[in-house]
N, C-alpha and C. Protein backbone atom coordinates (compact mmCIF):
# COMPACT_ATOMS: atom_id res chain seq x y z
N MET A 1 100.37 -88.92 -0.60
CA MET A 1 101.50 -90.47 -0.75
C MET A 1 101.69 -90.49 -2.28
N SER A 2 102.77 -90.95 -2.62
CA SER A 2 103.00 -91.34 -4.09
C SER A 2 104.14 -91.95 -4.06
N TYR A 3 104.38 -92.64 -4.94
CA TYR A 3 105.66 -93.58 -5.61
C TYR A 3 106.50 -93.02 -6.59
N THR A 4 107.63 -93.01 -5.82
CA THR A 4 108.46 -92.61 -7.46
C THR A 4 109.03 -94.12 -7.94
N VAL A 5 108.96 -94.25 -9.41
CA VAL A 5 109.53 -95.17 -10.10
C VAL A 5 110.10 -94.77 -11.53
N ALA A 6 111.42 -94.86 -11.61
CA ALA A 6 112.40 -94.59 -12.67
C ALA A 6 112.37 -93.28 -13.22
N GLY A 7 111.98 -92.24 -11.73
CA GLY A 7 112.13 -90.91 -11.80
C GLY A 7 110.90 -90.04 -12.11
N ASN A 8 109.69 -91.03 -12.07
CA ASN A 8 108.37 -90.71 -12.57
C ASN A 8 107.57 -90.60 -10.95
N GLU A 9 106.82 -89.97 -10.97
CA GLU A 9 106.17 -90.13 -9.63
C GLU A 9 104.88 -90.63 -9.62
N LEU A 10 104.50 -91.39 -9.80
CA LEU A 10 103.03 -92.27 -9.48
C LEU A 10 102.31 -91.63 -8.88
N GLU A 11 100.67 -91.38 -9.03
CA GLU A 11 99.69 -90.79 -8.22
C GLU A 11 99.16 -91.68 -7.90
N THR A 12 98.61 -91.23 -6.22
CA THR A 12 97.91 -92.35 -5.47
C THR A 12 96.80 -91.44 -4.58
N ASP A 13 96.07 -92.88 -4.28
CA ASP A 13 95.04 -91.90 -3.30
C ASP A 13 95.23 -91.92 -2.06
N ALA A 14 94.26 -91.72 -1.17
CA ALA A 14 95.23 -91.41 0.27
C ALA A 14 95.75 -92.75 1.13
N GLU A 15 95.63 -93.97 0.69
CA GLU A 15 95.74 -95.04 1.19
C GLU A 15 97.04 -95.58 0.36
N GLY A 16 97.12 -95.29 -0.61
CA GLY A 16 98.22 -95.82 -1.06
C GLY A 16 98.15 -96.38 -2.30
N TYR A 17 96.80 -96.65 -3.03
CA TYR A 17 96.59 -97.62 -3.92
C TYR A 17 96.99 -96.31 -5.52
N LEU A 18 97.32 -96.88 -6.04
CA LEU A 18 97.69 -96.03 -7.83
C LEU A 18 96.36 -95.72 -8.29
N LEU A 19 96.08 -94.10 -8.81
CA LEU A 19 95.00 -93.60 -9.46
C LEU A 19 94.95 -94.52 -10.75
N GLU A 20 96.15 -94.50 -11.59
CA GLU A 20 95.59 -95.64 -12.62
C GLU A 20 96.63 -96.80 -12.52
N ALA A 21 96.11 -97.66 -13.27
CA ALA A 21 96.93 -99.18 -13.21
C ALA A 21 98.40 -98.88 -13.72
N ASP A 22 99.43 -99.85 -13.18
CA ASP A 22 100.64 -99.78 -14.13
C ASP A 22 101.24 -100.92 -13.70
N PHE A 23 101.21 -101.75 -15.07
CA PHE A 23 101.57 -102.97 -15.00
C PHE A 23 103.22 -103.32 -14.83
N SER A 24 104.09 -102.61 -14.49
CA SER A 24 105.62 -102.85 -14.76
C SER A 24 106.05 -103.20 -13.85
N GLU A 25 106.75 -104.53 -13.79
CA GLU A 25 107.77 -104.99 -12.54
C GLU A 25 108.06 -104.21 -11.63
N GLU A 26 109.00 -102.55 -12.33
CA GLU A 26 109.45 -101.86 -10.92
C GLU A 26 108.53 -101.43 -10.12
N VAL A 27 107.13 -101.09 -10.70
CA VAL A 27 105.91 -100.57 -9.72
C VAL A 27 106.26 -101.41 -8.69
N VAL A 28 105.30 -102.64 -8.87
CA VAL A 28 105.19 -104.04 -7.99
C VAL A 28 106.58 -103.88 -6.97
N ASN A 29 108.01 -104.06 -7.34
CA ASN A 29 108.79 -104.30 -6.64
C ASN A 29 108.99 -102.69 -5.29
N VAL A 30 108.82 -101.54 -6.54
CA VAL A 30 108.61 -100.48 -5.02
C VAL A 30 107.58 -100.72 -4.01
N ILE A 31 106.37 -100.49 -4.80
CA ILE A 31 104.97 -100.51 -4.30
C ILE A 31 105.29 -102.12 -2.49
N ALA A 32 105.85 -102.76 -3.09
CA ALA A 32 106.10 -104.07 -2.06
C ALA A 32 106.99 -103.55 -0.69
N ALA A 33 108.08 -103.05 -1.40
CA ALA A 33 109.29 -102.18 -0.61
C ALA A 33 108.55 -101.61 0.75
N ALA A 34 107.55 -100.42 0.72
CA ALA A 34 106.73 -99.84 1.03
C ALA A 34 105.93 -100.47 1.74
N GLU A 35 105.19 -101.49 1.57
CA GLU A 35 104.18 -102.38 2.33
C GLU A 35 105.40 -103.32 2.85
N GLU A 36 106.51 -103.11 3.25
CA GLU A 36 107.14 -104.38 3.50
C GLU A 36 107.57 -105.67 3.50
N ILE A 37 107.11 -105.72 2.38
CA ILE A 37 106.68 -107.57 1.51
C ILE A 37 107.60 -107.77 0.63
N GLU A 38 108.46 -109.00 1.16
CA GLU A 38 109.87 -109.44 0.45
C GLU A 38 109.19 -110.42 -0.34
N LEU A 39 109.50 -109.65 -2.05
CA LEU A 39 108.54 -110.79 -2.97
C LEU A 39 108.95 -112.27 -3.33
N THR A 40 108.26 -113.19 -3.41
CA THR A 40 108.11 -114.44 -3.07
C THR A 40 108.24 -115.01 -4.99
N PRO A 41 108.19 -116.26 -5.49
CA PRO A 41 107.60 -116.47 -6.90
C PRO A 41 105.72 -116.69 -6.61
N LYS A 42 105.97 -117.09 -5.35
CA LYS A 42 104.15 -116.64 -4.64
C LYS A 42 103.60 -115.38 -5.04
N HIS A 43 104.41 -114.68 -4.54
CA HIS A 43 103.77 -113.44 -4.31
C HIS A 43 103.61 -112.74 -5.93
N TRP A 44 104.48 -113.61 -6.58
CA TRP A 44 104.08 -113.30 -8.09
C TRP A 44 103.26 -113.49 -8.90
N GLU A 45 102.73 -114.85 -8.36
CA GLU A 45 101.72 -115.66 -9.13
C GLU A 45 100.36 -114.96 -8.58
N ILE A 46 100.16 -114.68 -7.61
CA ILE A 46 99.28 -113.61 -7.07
C ILE A 46 99.25 -112.34 -7.59
N ILE A 47 100.08 -111.58 -7.70
CA ILE A 47 100.21 -110.69 -8.24
C ILE A 47 99.60 -110.65 -9.95
N ASN A 48 99.89 -111.58 -10.63
CA ASN A 48 99.57 -111.69 -11.80
C ASN A 48 98.30 -112.33 -12.31
N TYR A 49 97.62 -113.15 -11.35
CA TYR A 49 96.34 -112.90 -10.96
C TYR A 49 95.63 -111.95 -10.74
N MET A 50 96.24 -111.29 -9.94
CA MET A 50 95.09 -110.00 -10.03
C MET A 50 95.57 -109.19 -10.80
N ARG A 51 96.36 -109.01 -11.25
CA ARG A 51 96.34 -108.29 -12.42
C ARG A 51 95.46 -108.70 -13.97
N ASP A 52 95.64 -109.91 -13.91
CA ASP A 52 94.50 -110.75 -15.39
C ASP A 52 93.06 -110.43 -15.15
N GLN A 53 92.77 -110.64 -13.46
CA GLN A 53 91.69 -109.77 -13.43
C GLN A 53 90.87 -108.45 -13.41
N PHE A 54 92.13 -108.08 -12.97
CA PHE A 54 91.52 -106.40 -13.29
C PHE A 54 91.62 -106.57 -14.89
N ARG A 55 92.48 -107.23 -15.71
CA ARG A 55 92.51 -106.54 -17.38
C ARG A 55 90.80 -107.63 -17.69
N GLU A 56 90.70 -108.18 -17.16
CA GLU A 56 89.09 -109.27 -17.76
C GLU A 56 88.37 -108.48 -17.36
N GLU A 57 88.20 -108.41 -15.82
CA GLU A 57 87.00 -107.96 -15.45
C GLU A 57 86.72 -106.16 -15.25
N GLY A 58 87.80 -105.49 -15.00
CA GLY A 58 88.06 -104.39 -15.27
C GLY A 58 87.80 -103.67 -13.46
N HIS A 59 87.89 -104.63 -12.63
CA HIS A 59 88.41 -104.90 -11.02
C HIS A 59 88.90 -105.99 -10.86
N THR A 60 89.22 -105.98 -9.40
CA THR A 60 89.66 -106.99 -8.77
C THR A 60 88.74 -107.84 -7.82
N PRO A 61 88.81 -109.32 -7.49
CA PRO A 61 87.69 -110.36 -6.78
C PRO A 61 88.05 -109.61 -4.97
N ASN A 62 86.79 -109.71 -5.11
CA ASN A 62 86.81 -109.79 -3.46
C ASN A 62 87.74 -111.30 -2.72
N PHE A 63 87.87 -110.94 -1.64
CA PHE A 63 88.86 -112.53 -0.95
C PHE A 63 88.20 -113.88 -1.40
N ARG A 64 86.85 -113.99 -1.24
CA ARG A 64 85.83 -114.94 -1.53
C ARG A 64 86.50 -115.92 -2.77
N ASN A 65 86.13 -114.79 -3.91
CA ASN A 65 86.19 -114.92 -5.03
C ASN A 65 88.12 -114.98 -5.41
N MET A 66 89.00 -114.28 -4.54
CA MET A 66 90.40 -114.36 -4.98
C MET A 66 90.81 -115.87 -4.53
N LEU A 67 90.63 -116.48 -3.53
CA LEU A 67 90.71 -118.02 -2.96
C LEU A 67 90.39 -118.84 -3.99
N LYS A 68 89.30 -118.51 -4.59
CA LYS A 68 88.86 -119.54 -5.25
C LYS A 68 89.23 -119.49 -6.63
N GLY A 69 90.00 -118.33 -7.40
CA GLY A 69 90.50 -118.43 -8.21
C GLY A 69 92.04 -118.62 -8.35
N VAL A 70 92.16 -118.23 -6.67
CA VAL A 70 93.71 -118.88 -6.54
C VAL A 70 94.05 -120.37 -6.67
N ASN A 71 92.75 -120.94 -6.23
CA ASN A 71 92.66 -122.82 -6.04
C ASN A 71 92.61 -122.91 -7.29
N GLU A 72 93.00 -122.54 -8.32
CA GLU A 72 92.29 -123.11 -9.84
C GLU A 72 94.14 -123.49 -9.91
N PHE A 73 94.91 -122.44 -9.55
CA PHE A 73 96.51 -122.97 -9.90
C PHE A 73 97.64 -123.28 -8.63
N TRP A 74 96.63 -123.13 -7.69
CA TRP A 74 97.19 -123.58 -6.57
C TRP A 74 96.13 -124.56 -5.05
N PRO A 75 96.32 -125.51 -5.88
CA PRO A 75 95.10 -125.85 -5.55
C PRO A 75 94.85 -126.17 -3.81
N GLU A 76 96.34 -126.24 -3.12
CA GLU A 76 96.39 -126.39 -1.28
C GLU A 76 96.06 -125.11 -1.27
N ALA A 77 95.65 -124.00 -1.48
CA ALA A 77 96.24 -122.70 -1.09
C ALA A 77 95.04 -122.87 0.12
N GLU A 78 95.25 -121.90 1.21
CA GLU A 78 94.05 -121.35 2.25
C GLU A 78 94.24 -120.11 2.57
N SER A 79 93.27 -119.86 3.42
CA SER A 79 93.01 -118.61 3.34
C SER A 79 94.25 -118.03 3.90
N LYS A 80 94.77 -119.15 5.15
CA LYS A 80 96.22 -118.67 5.95
C LYS A 80 97.28 -118.46 5.03
N ASP A 81 97.20 -119.22 3.98
CA ASP A 81 98.37 -118.85 2.81
C ASP A 81 98.53 -117.51 2.78
N LEU A 82 97.17 -116.89 2.11
CA LEU A 82 96.98 -115.96 1.21
C LEU A 82 97.40 -114.77 2.41
N TYR A 83 97.16 -114.89 3.47
CA TYR A 83 97.40 -113.94 4.86
C TYR A 83 99.02 -113.79 4.90
N ASP A 84 99.46 -114.95 4.49
CA ASP A 84 101.08 -115.31 4.96
C ASP A 84 101.31 -114.19 4.07
N LEU A 85 101.31 -114.18 2.73
CA LEU A 85 101.71 -113.35 1.34
C LEU A 85 101.26 -111.95 1.56
N PHE A 86 100.25 -111.65 1.96
CA PHE A 86 99.66 -110.59 2.32
C PHE A 86 99.09 -110.14 3.35
N PRO A 87 99.71 -109.52 4.59
CA PRO A 87 99.31 -110.31 5.78
C PRO A 87 98.17 -108.60 5.98
N VAL A 88 97.95 -107.92 5.54
CA VAL A 88 97.23 -106.55 5.69
C VAL A 88 95.48 -106.89 5.43
N GLY A 89 95.78 -107.79 4.45
CA GLY A 89 94.54 -108.21 4.11
C GLY A 89 94.77 -108.73 2.25
N PRO A 90 94.74 -109.90 1.81
CA PRO A 90 95.26 -110.35 0.76
C PRO A 90 94.51 -109.43 -0.66
N ALA A 91 93.22 -109.37 -0.71
CA ALA A 91 92.47 -108.98 -1.74
C ALA A 91 92.92 -107.61 -1.91
N LYS A 92 92.82 -106.80 -0.88
CA LYS A 92 93.19 -105.51 -0.84
C LYS A 92 94.69 -105.13 -1.19
N GLN A 93 95.83 -105.42 0.06
CA GLN A 93 97.36 -105.21 -0.43
C GLN A 93 97.50 -106.25 -1.38
N ALA A 94 97.23 -107.41 -2.36
CA ALA A 94 97.85 -107.43 -3.73
C ALA A 94 97.31 -107.04 -4.59
N ALA A 95 96.28 -106.16 -4.72
CA ALA A 95 95.88 -104.95 -5.50
C ALA A 95 96.80 -104.14 -5.83
N LYS A 96 97.12 -103.51 -4.28
CA LYS A 96 97.91 -102.53 -4.11
C LYS A 96 99.13 -103.01 -4.67
N VAL A 97 99.91 -104.00 -4.20
CA VAL A 97 100.96 -104.43 -4.60
C VAL A 97 101.25 -104.44 -6.23
N ALA A 98 100.33 -104.90 -6.72
CA ALA A 98 99.91 -105.45 -8.25
C ALA A 98 100.49 -104.06 -8.89
N GLY A 99 100.27 -102.67 -8.06
CA GLY A 99 99.79 -101.60 -9.32
C GLY A 99 98.33 -101.13 -9.70
N LEU A 100 97.26 -102.19 -8.91
CA LEU A 100 96.26 -101.44 -9.24
C LEU A 100 95.53 -100.82 -8.43
N PRO A 101 94.41 -99.78 -9.09
CA PRO A 101 93.38 -99.06 -8.14
C PRO A 101 93.04 -99.58 -7.42
N GLN A 102 92.65 -99.27 -5.77
CA GLN A 102 91.49 -99.61 -5.04
C GLN A 102 90.56 -100.47 -5.09
N PRO A 103 90.06 -101.46 -4.54
CA PRO A 103 89.32 -101.84 -5.25
C PRO A 103 87.97 -101.76 -4.93
N LYS A 104 87.13 -101.66 -5.15
CA LYS A 104 85.90 -101.20 -5.13
C LYS A 104 84.85 -101.72 -4.12
N GLY A 105 84.01 -101.22 -3.48
CA GLY A 105 83.11 -101.87 -2.05
C GLY A 105 84.07 -102.40 -1.30
N LYS A 106 83.69 -103.40 -1.20
CA LYS A 106 84.22 -104.47 -0.41
C LYS A 106 85.30 -105.79 -0.73
N GLY A 107 86.23 -104.98 -1.45
CA GLY A 107 87.38 -105.78 -2.37
C GLY A 107 87.08 -106.41 -3.75
N GLY A 108 85.94 -105.69 -4.27
CA GLY A 108 86.28 -106.04 -5.64
C GLY A 108 84.40 -106.69 -5.82
N TYR A 109 84.42 -107.61 -6.24
CA TYR A 109 83.15 -108.47 -7.17
C TYR A 109 82.81 -109.59 -6.51
C-alpha cells in the first residue's frame, strides 16, 4: 500500500502507516480520505497533538496517555469522544492520519 500526494508516492508498511513521518496538510487529507474520515477542527487538534508528541518524544502516546494529554486542551474529552473521531482506535488511527509511522508496542509509551 502507498499514498500518492502531489504526484509523489509515499511508502507505507503493510497496515498503511507511513515509513517516514510527513507533516504536510496534504498527507493528512489523503490518508483521512483513505480511512473514510471527514476532518473537523477537533480532528486537527488531535492530529496536531499527535505530531507534537512525535516531535518531542520520538513516538506517539498510547491511548491512556493520549487521553490524558488531550484533556489538557479539551478538558471534557472522554474515551468515547476520541473513538467518535478515530473509530478504529484513537491512538493508532490518529497517528496514521497524522502522517506518522506506526506506533511501537501497544500504541506508544
